[in-house]
Each structure stands twice: as structure tokens, then as C-alpha cells.
Amino acid sequence: MKKNLLGKMMITGIISAAMLASTAASTWAADKSDEDVLRVGMECAYAPFNWTQDTDTTPDGSKAEPIYGSDYYAYGYDVAVAQKLADQLGMKLEIHKVEWSSIGISMDAGDYDCIIAGMGKTAEREQAYAFTEPYYYRDNCIVVKAGGDYDGVKGLSDLAGTGCKVTTQLGTGWVPLLDQIDGAEQSGNYETTSECFMAISNGVADVCVVDVPTAESAALTNKDLKIINLDEKDTFKDDDEMVNVCIATRKDDTELRDKLQGAMDDIGWNDKEKMDELMDTVLTQQPAAN
């Protein structure tokens, strides 16, 4: 009787140990799997930095990435850079599509681990996130309606006192720049740059403040738009925060930030010529450009 009881206890112990070992192995595998995935958040609606498309390749054969939880794919400058970094780190890339207004909240909630989304490194954002060095440098410009009242503008002083209606994307470092247009009317800002450009086309706004690559991307298919690169002596002041485009991680995740920075250093991604060359190529690959 005692032998049978002892035998049952031994069998139960063996089964329990096996279950614990299996659980531990599964947990380890899951943890290891998480470590091997670079989870990136971006709008997938901010060409040429990132956009959504329905095919897995671009016209030149570049690989678009599946968007997590959808049947669509993402590509653009941000995706191409993320691919380079993931390859350098030996990680699988996972793209998460998120609206700009909640991009930081979703990262803090753990939906993904970093933001590669054309984000400027501002003093305010540095209080909330950890940033790499820039992975792109962009210039700012204004966009007006081609042939409209502001088509001939050369500098900010040309807009002073005109009462022009100005706009830009919500939650960006461009918003404070609107105040530098003397006497301008704040017509309201938009969730996406596409909506900003539509406002220009429809006459809802007269001037949009944005970066040059985004403006060039829009102008490829919208002939209503004119890009004006302001005279360097008559342009925005203290706009460096929107020039430096950096990768953001959670404030306390400096380990991932440092890994990404190390990968950038290893592949030499601090060379502006390389950055501009990639951006020029990507501009020709967006679906709207074809």
C-alpha cells in the first residue's frame, strides 16, 4: 500500500517537474522571441517617411514590410532605415501602424518598443523619451497654392500683415513656428500632413509649414501645391528641433536606444549624403508617385 502511494507520489512529482520545465522553456522562448523582434511604431501615412501599400514590394524591387495585424504593407524612408538596423542587430522587424496623436502613448503601453516615424527631437519630447542621434536631417519649408495669392512669397516678411491662414500637423514641432508668421490667422491644424495639403488645395488654408521631403512627396501628385524654400535670411528661427529626425524609445529603455545607436554607428548612418541618397530613392517608390 505504502509502495503504491510512494510510486504515485513519484509519478506526480515527475509530471509536475516536467510541466514546470515545459512552462519555463516556453517562457524563456517567448522572452527570447521578444528580444529577437524589433517592434517599431509609425503612422504608415506620412510619405515619404512611411506609407501603406497593398503589395509586398516597391517598383524597384525593394521589400515592403507587413503591417502587424493587417493585410497591408509599409514602406518609406523610416521602413528602409528600420530594415537596415534590424538586419545589423540580427532581429526580425515588426511594423505597427498607429495614429500620430497616440504614437507615444502606445509605445509607453508596450504595443511596440521604439518610434521610427520622422519624429523631430524636441526639448519637450526629450522629457518623455530617450532618443538616438539623428537618422535624417530635413529642412523646413512652406507650401502654398500654385498660382494663388502667395505664390510669389520669398520670405516670412512677405507674409507679415497679410492675414494669411496658416496650418500644419497637430502635435509637431511645426506648430510653434506658425507664431513666427506675423499677423497670420490660425486656421486649425490637422492629424495628418495629407489633410494639411488638402486644406491648401481647397483654399481652407493659405500656408502650410512642413518639411521639404514631405512637401516634395505631396507635390508629385498634387499640382495645386507649390513648395517655397524661404530665403535663409528671412526664414524661421530656432527650428532646429524639427531638423533633427531621431529614433525614440521609452525613457527608461536606454538599453534599446543604445543598441539602435550602436547599429547606426556600425553601418555609418551618420552620413548626411547617405541619408539624402536613400530619401531621393524612396521618393520615387511611393505608390502615388507612379
C-alpha atoms as a PDB file:
ATOM      1  CA  MET A   1       0.000   0.000   0.000  1.00  0.00           C
ATOM      2  CA  LYS A   2       2.822   2.327   1.019  1.00  0.00           C
ATOM      3  CA  LYS A   3       4.762   1.297  -2.097  1.00  0.00           C
ATOM      4  CA  ASN A   4       1.818   2.162  -4.336  1.00  0.00           C
ATOM      5  CA  LEU A   5       1.395   5.507  -2.585  1.00  0.00           C
ATOM      6  CA  LEU A   6       5.096   6.249  -2.900  1.00  0.00           C
ATOM      7  CA  GLY A   7       5.020   5.287  -6.552  1.00  0.00           C
ATOM      8  CA  LYS A   8       2.068   7.580  -7.228  1.00  0.00           C
ATOM      9  CA  MET A   9       3.845  10.426  -5.416  1.00  0.00           C
ATOM     10  CA  MET A  10       6.978   9.908  -7.523  1.00  0.00           C
ATOM     11  CA  ILE A  11       4.987   9.876 -10.759  1.00  0.00           C
ATOM     12  CA  THR A  12       3.117  13.019  -9.701  1.00  0.00           C
ATOM     13  CA  GLY A  13       6.439  14.681  -8.863  1.00  0.00           C
ATOM     14  CA  ILE A  14       7.923  13.744 -12.220  1.00  0.00           C
ATOM     15  CA  ILE A  15       4.876  15.082 -14.085  1.00  0.00           C
ATOM     16  CA  SER A  16       4.935  18.307 -12.065  1.00  0.00           C
ATOM     17  CA  ALA A  17       8.630  18.790 -12.713  1.00  0.00           C
ATOM     18  CA  ALA A  18       8.100  18.174 -16.413  1.00  0.00           C
ATOM     19  CA  MET A  19       5.267  20.711 -16.507  1.00  0.00           C
ATOM     20  CA  LEU A  20       7.396  23.287 -14.688  1.00  0.00           C
ATOM     21  CA  ALA A  21      10.267  22.663 -17.075  1.00  0.00           C
ATOM     22  CA  SER A  22       7.933  22.985 -20.059  1.00  0.00           C
ATOM     23  CA  THR A  23       6.481  26.237 -18.692  1.00  0.00           C
ATOM     24  CA  ALA A  24       9.960  27.610 -18.022  1.00  0.00           C
ATOM     25  CA  ALA A  25      11.088  26.658 -21.521  1.00  0.00           C
ATOM     26  CA  SER A  26       8.026  28.304 -23.050  1.00  0.00           C
ATOM     27  CA  THR A  27       8.597  31.468 -21.011  1.00  0.00           C
ATOM     28  CA  TRP A  28      12.267  31.522 -21.998  1.00  0.00           C
ATOM     29  CA  ALA A  29      11.364  31.006 -25.653  1.00  0.00           C
ATOM     30  CA  ALA A  30       8.788  33.810 -25.508  1.00  0.00           C
ATOM     31  CA  ASP A  31      11.271  36.153 -23.810  1.00  0.00           C
ATOM     32  CA  LYS A  32      13.947  35.231 -26.312  1.00  0.00           C
ATOM     33  CA  SER A  33      11.471  35.713 -29.168  1.00  0.00           C
ATOM     34  CA  ASP A  34      10.603  39.181 -27.892  1.00  0.00           C
ATOM     35  CA  GLU A  35      14.290  40.049 -27.725  1.00  0.00           C
ATOM     36  CA  ASP A  36      14.733  38.989 -31.352  1.00  0.00           C
ATOM     37  CA  VAL A  37      11.957  41.268 -32.676  1.00  0.00           C
ATOM     38  CA  LEU A  38      12.388  44.978 -33.330  1.00  0.00           C
ATOM     39  CA  ARG A  39       8.859  46.329 -32.828  1.00  0.00           C
ATOM     40  CA  VAL A  40       8.516  49.740 -34.447  1.00  0.00           C
ATOM     41  CA  GLY A  41       5.635  52.205 -34.347  1.00  0.00           C
ATOM     42  CA  MET A  42       4.895  54.625 -37.210  1.00  0.00           C
ATOM     43  CA  GLU A  43       1.906  56.255 -38.911  1.00  0.00           C
ATOM     44  CA  CYS A  44       2.273  54.397 -42.212  1.00  0.00           C
ATOM     45  CA  ALA A  45       0.617  57.544 -43.617  1.00  0.00           C
ATOM     46  CA  TYR A  46       3.436  60.105 -43.746  1.00  0.00           C
ATOM     47  CA  ALA A  47       5.073  59.783 -47.158  1.00  0.00           C
ATOM     48  CA  PRO A  48       7.914  59.732 -47.965  1.00  0.00           C
ATOM     49  CA  PHE A  49       8.943  58.749 -44.425  1.00  0.00           C
ATOM     50  CA  ASN A  50       6.365  55.955 -44.201  1.00  0.00           C
ATOM     51  CA  TRP A  51       3.262  54.886 -46.059  1.00  0.00           C
ATOM     52  CA  THR A  52       0.801  51.994 -46.536  1.00  0.00           C
ATOM     53  CA  GLN A  53       0.623  49.919 -49.724  1.00  0.00           C
ATOM     54  CA  ASP A  54      -1.128  46.705 -50.750  1.00  0.00           C
ATOM     55  CA  THR A  55       1.888  44.912 -52.259  1.00  0.00           C
ATOM     56  CA  ASP A  56       4.990  43.454 -50.617  1.00  0.00           C
ATOM     57  CA  THR A  57       7.474  45.115 -52.985  1.00  0.00           C
ATOM     58  CA  THR A  58       8.129  48.552 -54.467  1.00  0.00           C
ATOM     59  CA  PRO A  59       8.705  49.341 -58.171  1.00  0.00           C
ATOM     60  CA  ASP A  60      12.486  48.925 -57.812  1.00  0.00           C
ATOM     61  CA  GLY A  61      12.075  45.572 -56.046  1.00  0.00           C
ATOM     62  CA  SER A  62      12.674  46.806 -52.506  1.00  0.00           C
ATOM     63  CA  LYS A  63      10.944  44.785 -49.813  1.00  0.00           C
ATOM     64  CA  ALA A  64       7.919  46.342 -48.102  1.00  0.00           C
ATOM     65  CA  GLU A  65       7.188  45.136 -44.567  1.00  0.00           C
ATOM     66  CA  PRO A  66       3.895  43.573 -43.421  1.00  0.00           C
ATOM     67  CA  ILE A  67       1.922  45.823 -41.096  1.00  0.00           C
ATOM     68  CA  TYR A  68       1.228  43.957 -37.875  1.00  0.00           C
ATOM     69  CA  GLY A  69      -2.372  42.765 -37.625  1.00  0.00           C
ATOM     70  CA  SER A  70      -3.339  43.747 -41.173  1.00  0.00           C
ATOM     71  CA  ASP A  71      -3.183  42.574 -44.783  1.00  0.00           C
ATOM     72  CA  TYR A  72      -1.221  45.646 -45.883  1.00  0.00           C
ATOM     73  CA  TYR A  73       2.449  46.574 -46.113  1.00  0.00           C
ATOM     74  CA  ALA A  74       4.557  49.563 -45.152  1.00  0.00           C
ATOM     75  CA  TYR A  75       7.486  51.203 -46.865  1.00  0.00           C
ATOM     76  CA  GLY A  76       9.255  54.550 -46.933  1.00  0.00           C
ATOM     77  CA  TYR A  77      12.444  56.064 -45.574  1.00  0.00           C
ATOM     78  CA  ASP A  78      11.634  55.025 -41.992  1.00  0.00           C
ATOM     79  CA  VAL A  79      10.980  51.425 -43.008  1.00  0.00           C
ATOM     80  CA  ALA A  80      14.184  51.250 -45.066  1.00  0.00           C
ATOM     81  CA  VAL A  81      16.237  52.541 -42.117  1.00  0.00           C
ATOM     82  CA  ALA A  82      14.461  50.175 -39.704  1.00  0.00           C
ATOM     83  CA  GLN A  83      15.304  47.270 -42.030  1.00  0.00           C
ATOM     84  CA  LYS A  84      18.982  48.235 -42.010  1.00  0.00           C
ATOM     85  CA  LEU A  85      19.082  48.424 -38.222  1.00  0.00           C
ATOM     86  CA  ALA A  86      17.144  45.176 -37.701  1.00  0.00           C
ATOM     87  CA  ASP A  87      19.489  43.366 -40.098  1.00  0.00           C
ATOM     88  CA  GLN A  88      22.541  44.772 -38.300  1.00  0.00           C
ATOM     89  CA  LEU A  89      21.156  43.656 -34.928  1.00  0.00           C
ATOM     90  CA  GLY A  90      20.065  40.238 -36.217  1.00  0.00           C
ATOM     91  CA  MET A  91      16.448  40.969 -35.331  1.00  0.00           C
ATOM     92  CA  LYS A  92      13.134  40.464 -37.116  1.00  0.00           C
ATOM     93  CA  LEU A  93      11.372  43.720 -37.986  1.00  0.00           C
ATOM     94  CA  GLU A  94       7.735  44.195 -36.948  1.00  0.00           C
ATOM     95  CA  ILE A  95       5.882  47.337 -38.092  1.00  0.00           C
ATOM     96  CA  HIS A  96       2.946  48.660 -36.050  1.00  0.00           C
ATOM     97  CA  LYS A  97       0.607  51.224 -37.602  1.00  0.00           C
ATOM     98  CA  VAL A  98      -0.597  53.927 -35.209  1.00  0.00           C
ATOM     99  CA  GLU A  99      -2.095  57.413 -35.420  1.00  0.00           C
ATOM    100  CA  TRP A 100       0.347  60.223 -34.731  1.00  0.00           C
ATOM    101  CA  SER A 101      -1.724  61.607 -31.839  1.00  0.00           C
ATOM    102  CA  SER A 102      -1.252  58.390 -29.839  1.00  0.00           C
ATOM    103  CA  ILE A 103       2.163  57.259 -31.045  1.00  0.00           C
ATOM    104  CA  GLY A 104       3.918  57.942 -27.721  1.00  0.00           C
ATOM    105  CA  ILE A 105       1.074  56.635 -25.560  1.00  0.00           C
ATOM    106  CA  SER A 106       1.007  53.346 -27.472  1.00  0.00           C
ATOM    107  CA  MET A 107       4.764  52.874 -27.053  1.00  0.00           C
ATOM    108  CA  ASP A 108       4.521  53.524 -23.309  1.00  0.00           C
ATOM    109  CA  ALA A 109       1.678  50.972 -23.177  1.00  0.00           C
ATOM    110  CA  GLY A 110       4.024  48.354 -24.644  1.00  0.00           C
ATOM    111  CA  ASP A 111       2.428  47.981 -28.072  1.00  0.00           C
ATOM    112  CA  TYR A 112       5.895  48.411 -29.607  1.00  0.00           C
ATOM    113  CA  ASP A 113       9.351  49.337 -28.372  1.00  0.00           C
ATOM    114  CA  CYS A 114      10.536  52.267 -30.458  1.00  0.00           C
ATOM    115  CA  ILE A 115       9.280  55.011 -32.764  1.00  0.00           C
ATOM    116  CA  ILE A 116      10.859  55.460 -36.200  1.00  0.00           C
ATOM    117  CA  ALA A 117       8.396  57.884 -37.724  1.00  0.00           C
ATOM    118  CA  GLY A 118      10.034  61.084 -38.912  1.00  0.00           C
ATOM    119  CA  MET A 119       9.942  62.396 -35.337  1.00  0.00           C
ATOM    120  CA  GLY A 120      11.863  65.560 -34.525  1.00  0.00           C
ATOM    121  CA  LYS A 121      13.832  65.558 -31.252  1.00  0.00           C
ATOM    122  CA  THR A 122      12.348  68.469 -29.290  1.00  0.00           C
ATOM    123  CA  ALA A 123      13.205  69.569 -25.749  1.00  0.00           C
ATOM    124  CA  GLU A 124       9.660  68.681 -24.669  1.00  0.00           C
ATOM    125  CA  ARG A 125       9.855  65.177 -26.133  1.00  0.00           C
ATOM    126  CA  GLU A 126      13.248  64.553 -24.526  1.00  0.00           C
ATOM    127  CA  GLN A 127      11.497  64.739 -21.173  1.00  0.00           C
ATOM    128  CA  ALA A 128       9.339  61.763 -22.165  1.00  0.00           C
ATOM    129  CA  TYR A 129      11.526  59.635 -24.453  1.00  0.00           C
ATOM    130  CA  ALA A 130      15.123  58.531 -24.945  1.00  0.00           C
ATOM    131  CA  PHE A 131      16.492  59.499 -28.369  1.00  0.00           C
ATOM    132  CA  THR A 132      19.245  58.333 -30.685  1.00  0.00           C
ATOM    133  CA  GLU A 133      21.297  60.745 -32.731  1.00  0.00           C
ATOM    134  CA  PRO A 134      19.576  61.839 -35.980  1.00  0.00           C
ATOM    135  CA  TYR A 135      18.951  59.246 -38.671  1.00  0.00           C
ATOM    136  CA  TYR A 136      17.862  62.038 -41.038  1.00  0.00           C
ATOM    137  CA  TYR A 137      18.286  65.799 -41.360  1.00  0.00           C
ATOM    138  CA  ARG A 138      15.484  67.715 -43.041  1.00  0.00           C
ATOM    139  CA  ASP A 139      14.856  71.341 -43.964  1.00  0.00           C
ATOM    140  CA  ASN A 140      11.584  73.124 -43.307  1.00  0.00           C
ATOM    141  CA  CYS A 141       9.577  74.991 -45.934  1.00  0.00           C
ATOM    142  CA  ILE A 142       6.112  76.377 -46.595  1.00  0.00           C
ATOM    143  CA  VAL A 143       3.559  75.086 -49.086  1.00  0.00           C
ATOM    144  CA  VAL A 144       1.065  77.409 -50.785  1.00  0.00           C
ATOM    145  CA  LYS A 145      -1.432  77.081 -53.617  1.00  0.00           C
ATOM    146  CA  ALA A 146       0.204  77.261 -57.042  1.00  0.00           C
ATOM    147  CA  GLY A 147      -0.914  80.407 -58.837  1.00  0.00           C
ATOM    148  CA  GLY A 148      -2.571  81.734 -55.684  1.00  0.00           C
ATOM    149  CA  ASP A 149      -2.095  84.946 -53.716  1.00  0.00           C
ATOM    150  CA  TYR A 150       1.067  83.676 -52.006  1.00  0.00           C
ATOM    151  CA  ASP A 151       2.723  82.010 -54.981  1.00  0.00           C
ATOM    152  CA  GLY A 152       5.446  84.685 -55.149  1.00  0.00           C
ATOM    153  CA  VAL A 153       6.471  84.672 -51.481  1.00  0.00           C
ATOM    154  CA  LYS A 154      10.238  84.603 -50.901  1.00  0.00           C
ATOM    155  CA  GLY A 155      10.489  85.027 -47.131  1.00  0.00           C
ATOM    156  CA  LEU A 156       8.455  85.295 -43.937  1.00  0.00           C
ATOM    157  CA  SER A 157       8.387  89.090 -44.170  1.00  0.00           C
ATOM    158  CA  ASP A 158       6.332  88.761 -47.376  1.00  0.00           C
ATOM    159  CA  LEU A 159       3.586  87.110 -45.299  1.00  0.00           C
ATOM    160  CA  ALA A 160       3.622  89.680 -42.486  1.00  0.00           C
ATOM    161  CA  GLY A 161       0.345  91.558 -42.108  1.00  0.00           C
ATOM    162  CA  THR A 162      -1.406  89.693 -44.925  1.00  0.00           C
ATOM    163  CA  GLY A 163      -3.767  87.832 -42.595  1.00  0.00           C
ATOM    164  CA  CYS A 164      -2.916  84.567 -44.355  1.00  0.00           C
ATOM    165  CA  LYS A 165      -4.480  81.414 -42.923  1.00  0.00           C
ATOM    166  CA  VAL A 166      -1.777  79.037 -41.677  1.00  0.00           C
ATOM    167  CA  THR A 167      -1.802  75.373 -40.777  1.00  0.00           C
ATOM    168  CA  THR A 168       0.412  72.384 -40.017  1.00  0.00           C
ATOM    169  CA  GLN A 169       0.224  68.900 -38.481  1.00  0.00           C
ATOM    170  CA  LEU A 170      -1.036  68.558 -34.923  1.00  0.00           C
ATOM    171  CA  GLY A 171       1.420  67.622 -32.191  1.00  0.00           C
ATOM    172  CA  THR A 172       4.552  68.528 -34.125  1.00  0.00           C
ATOM    173  CA  GLY A 173       7.394  70.992 -33.658  1.00  0.00           C
ATOM    174  CA  TRP A 174       5.980  72.976 -36.586  1.00  0.00           C
ATOM    175  CA  VAL A 175       3.067  74.256 -34.503  1.00  0.00           C
ATOM    176  CA  PRO A 176       5.158  76.871 -32.595  1.00  0.00           C
ATOM    177  CA  LEU A 177       6.621  78.085 -35.899  1.00  0.00           C
ATOM    178  CA  LEU A 178       3.199  79.332 -37.001  1.00  0.00           C
ATOM    179  CA  ASP A 179       3.503  82.132 -34.442  1.00  0.00           C
ATOM    180  CA  GLN A 180       6.528  83.475 -36.333  1.00  0.00           C
ATOM    181  CA  ILE A 181       4.284  84.462 -39.258  1.00  0.00           C
ATOM    182  CA  ASP A 182       3.329  87.952 -38.180  1.00  0.00           C
ATOM    183  CA  GLY A 183      -0.406  88.655 -38.274  1.00  0.00           C
ATOM    184  CA  ALA A 184      -1.327  85.198 -39.601  1.00  0.00           C
ATOM    185  CA  GLU A 185      -4.710  83.655 -38.885  1.00  0.00           C
ATOM    186  CA  GLN A 186      -4.579  80.232 -37.227  1.00  0.00           C
ATOM    187  CA  SER A 187      -6.998  78.236 -39.375  1.00  0.00           C
ATOM    188  CA  GLY A 188      -6.671  75.000 -37.394  1.00  0.00           C
ATOM    189  CA  ASN A 189      -4.202  72.137 -37.598  1.00  0.00           C
ATOM    190  CA  TYR A 190      -4.721  68.561 -38.797  1.00  0.00           C
ATOM    191  CA  GLU A 191      -3.989  64.991 -37.755  1.00  0.00           C
ATOM    192  CA  THR A 192      -2.071  64.222 -40.964  1.00  0.00           C
ATOM    193  CA  THR A 193       0.002  66.191 -43.461  1.00  0.00           C
ATOM    194  CA  SER A 194      -2.300  64.934 -46.223  1.00  0.00           C
ATOM    195  CA  GLU A 195      -5.176  66.834 -44.629  1.00  0.00           C
ATOM    196  CA  CYS A 196      -2.958  69.933 -44.425  1.00  0.00           C
ATOM    197  CA  PHE A 197      -2.231  69.756 -48.151  1.00  0.00           C
ATOM    198  CA  MET A 198      -5.908  69.220 -48.915  1.00  0.00           C
ATOM    199  CA  ALA A 199      -6.689  72.378 -46.948  1.00  0.00           C
ATOM    200  CA  ILE A 200      -4.244  74.291 -49.163  1.00  0.00           C
ATOM    201  CA  SER A 201      -5.759  72.836 -52.345  1.00  0.00           C
ATOM    202  CA  ASN A 202      -9.299  73.689 -51.208  1.00  0.00           C
ATOM    203  CA  GLY A 203      -8.445  77.201 -50.044  1.00  0.00           C
ATOM    204  CA  VAL A 204      -9.271  76.427 -46.416  1.00  0.00           C
ATOM    205  CA  ALA A 205      -5.691  77.425 -45.565  1.00  0.00           C
ATOM    206  CA  ASP A 206      -3.150  79.579 -47.413  1.00  0.00           C
ATOM    207  CA  VAL A 207       0.163  78.440 -45.944  1.00  0.00           C
ATOM    208  CA  CYS A 208       1.283  75.077 -44.592  1.00  0.00           C
ATOM    209  CA  VAL A 209       4.518  74.722 -42.610  1.00  0.00           C
ATOM    210  CA  VAL A 210       6.138  71.323 -43.175  1.00  0.00           C
ATOM    211  CA  ASP A 211       9.426  69.639 -44.112  1.00  0.00           C
ATOM    212  CA  VAL A 212      10.816  69.586 -47.647  1.00  0.00           C
ATOM    213  CA  PRO A 213      10.659  65.798 -48.337  1.00  0.00           C
ATOM    214  CA  THR A 214       7.014  65.606 -47.260  1.00  0.00           C
ATOM    215  CA  ALA A 215       6.173  68.608 -49.419  1.00  0.00           C
ATOM    216  CA  GLU A 216       8.015  67.122 -52.398  1.00  0.00           C
ATOM    217  CA  SER A 217       6.144  63.864 -51.938  1.00  0.00           C
ATOM    218  CA  ALA A 218       2.776  65.636 -51.996  1.00  0.00           C
ATOM    219  CA  ALA A 219       3.692  67.819 -54.968  1.00  0.00           C
ATOM    220  CA  LEU A 220       4.381  64.732 -57.101  1.00  0.00           C
ATOM    221  CA  THR A 221       0.654  64.105 -57.458  1.00  0.00           C
ATOM    222  CA  ASN A 222      -0.949  67.396 -56.452  1.00  0.00           C
ATOM    223  CA  LYS A 223      -0.256  70.140 -58.976  1.00  0.00           C
ATOM    224  CA  ASP A 224      -2.215  72.621 -56.830  1.00  0.00           C
ATOM    225  CA  LEU A 225       0.735  72.802 -54.449  1.00  0.00           C
ATOM    226  CA  LYS A 226       3.813  74.995 -54.656  1.00  0.00           C
ATOM    227  CA  ILE A 227       6.824  74.489 -52.393  1.00  0.00           C
ATOM    228  CA  ILE A 228       8.612  77.612 -51.218  1.00  0.00           C
ATOM    229  CA  ASN A 229      12.060  77.298 -49.672  1.00  0.00           C
ATOM    230  CA  LEU A 230      12.290  80.540 -47.718  1.00  0.00           C
ATOM    231  CA  ASP A 231      15.280  82.849 -48.050  1.00  0.00           C
ATOM    232  CA  GLU A 232      17.822  81.818 -45.413  1.00  0.00           C
ATOM    233  CA  LYS A 233      17.929  85.389 -44.124  1.00  0.00           C
ATOM    234  CA  ASP A 234      14.142  85.609 -43.909  1.00  0.00           C
ATOM    235  CA  THR A 235      13.022  82.268 -42.558  1.00  0.00           C
ATOM    236  CA  PHE A 236      12.016  80.558 -39.306  1.00  0.00           C
ATOM    237  CA  LYS A 237      14.226  80.961 -36.239  1.00  0.00           C
ATOM    238  CA  ASP A 238      15.027  78.231 -33.717  1.00  0.00           C
ATOM    239  CA  ASP A 239      13.549  75.476 -35.889  1.00  0.00           C
ATOM    240  CA  ASP A 240      16.452  73.051 -35.323  1.00  0.00           C
ATOM    241  CA  GLU A 241      14.189  70.778 -33.289  1.00  0.00           C
ATOM    242  CA  MET A 242      12.319  69.822 -36.453  1.00  0.00           C
ATOM    243  CA  VAL A 243      15.517  69.425 -38.472  1.00  0.00           C
ATOM    244  CA  ASN A 244      16.918  66.560 -36.388  1.00  0.00           C
ATOM    245  CA  VAL A 245      14.894  63.380 -37.016  1.00  0.00           C
ATOM    246  CA  CYS A 246      15.646  60.737 -34.386  1.00  0.00           C
ATOM    247  CA  ILE A 247      14.543  57.317 -33.138  1.00  0.00           C
ATOM    248  CA  ALA A 248      12.673  57.351 -29.810  1.00  0.00           C
ATOM    249  CA  THR A 249      12.441  54.628 -27.177  1.00  0.00           C
ATOM    250  CA  ARG A 250      10.727  54.650 -23.794  1.00  0.00           C
ATOM    251  CA  LYS A 251      12.545  56.968 -21.400  1.00  0.00           C
ATOM    252  CA  ASP A 252      13.794  54.102 -19.243  1.00  0.00           C
ATOM    253  CA  ASP A 253      14.714  51.829 -22.165  1.00  0.00           C
ATOM    254  CA  THR A 254      18.183  53.225 -22.741  1.00  0.00           C
ATOM    255  CA  GLU A 255      19.408  49.697 -23.437  1.00  0.00           C
ATOM    256  CA  LEU A 256      17.410  49.508 -26.684  1.00  0.00           C
ATOM    257  CA  ARG A 257      18.260  53.135 -27.501  1.00  0.00           C
ATOM    258  CA  ASP A 258      21.961  52.331 -27.148  1.00  0.00           C
ATOM    259  CA  LYS A 259      21.619  49.146 -29.243  1.00  0.00           C
ATOM    260  CA  LEU A 260      19.971  51.120 -32.034  1.00  0.00           C
ATOM    261  CA  GLN A 261      22.592  53.856 -31.800  1.00  0.00           C
ATOM    262  CA  GLY A 262      25.323  51.229 -31.932  1.00  0.00           C
ATOM    263  CA  ALA A 263      23.786  49.717 -35.072  1.00  0.00           C
ATOM    264  CA  MET A 264      23.570  53.188 -36.658  1.00  0.00           C
ATOM    265  CA  ASP A 265      27.235  53.765 -35.867  1.00  0.00           C
ATOM    266  CA  ASP A 266      28.221  50.347 -37.210  1.00  0.00           C
ATOM    267  CA  ILE A 267      26.591  50.940 -40.601  1.00  0.00           C
ATOM    268  CA  GLY A 268      27.773  54.549 -40.777  1.00  0.00           C
ATOM    269  CA  TRP A 269      24.287  56.030 -40.602  1.00  0.00           C
ATOM    270  CA  ASN A 270      25.551  59.461 -39.583  1.00  0.00           C
ATOM    271  CA  ASP A 271      26.488  60.429 -43.137  1.00  0.00           C
ATOM    272  CA  LYS A 272      24.048  63.031 -44.487  1.00  0.00           C
ATOM    273  CA  GLU A 273      24.983  62.127 -48.059  1.00  0.00           C
ATOM    274  CA  LYS A 274      23.845  58.537 -47.475  1.00  0.00           C
ATOM    275  CA  MET A 275      20.633  59.765 -45.862  1.00  0.00           C
ATOM    276  CA  ASP A 276      19.815  62.102 -48.749  1.00  0.00           C
ATOM    277  CA  GLU A 277      20.599  59.394 -51.315  1.00  0.00           C
ATOM    278  CA  LEU A 278      18.172  56.978 -49.662  1.00  0.00           C
ATOM    279  CA  MET A 279      15.477  59.653 -49.387  1.00  0.00           C
ATOM    280  CA  ASP A 280      15.849  60.550 -53.077  1.00  0.00           C
ATOM    281  CA  THR A 281      15.388  56.875 -53.985  1.00  0.00           C
ATOM    282  CA  VAL A 282      12.422  56.346 -51.668  1.00  0.00           C
ATOM    283  CA  LEU A 283      10.608  59.376 -53.093  1.00  0.00           C
ATOM    284  CA  THR A 284      10.343  57.586 -56.438  1.00  0.00           C
ATOM    285  CA  GLN A 285       8.956  54.372 -54.904  1.00  0.00           C
ATOM    286  CA  GLN A 286       5.767  55.554 -53.234  1.00  0.00           C
ATOM    287  CA  PRO A 287       2.577  54.295 -54.953  1.00  0.00           C
ATOM    288  CA  ALA A 288       1.293  57.830 -55.558  1.00  0.00           C
ATOM    289  CA  ALA A 289       4.462  58.694 -57.485  1.00  0.00           C
ATOM    290  CA  ASN A 290       3.707  56.032 -60.065  1.00  0.00           C
END
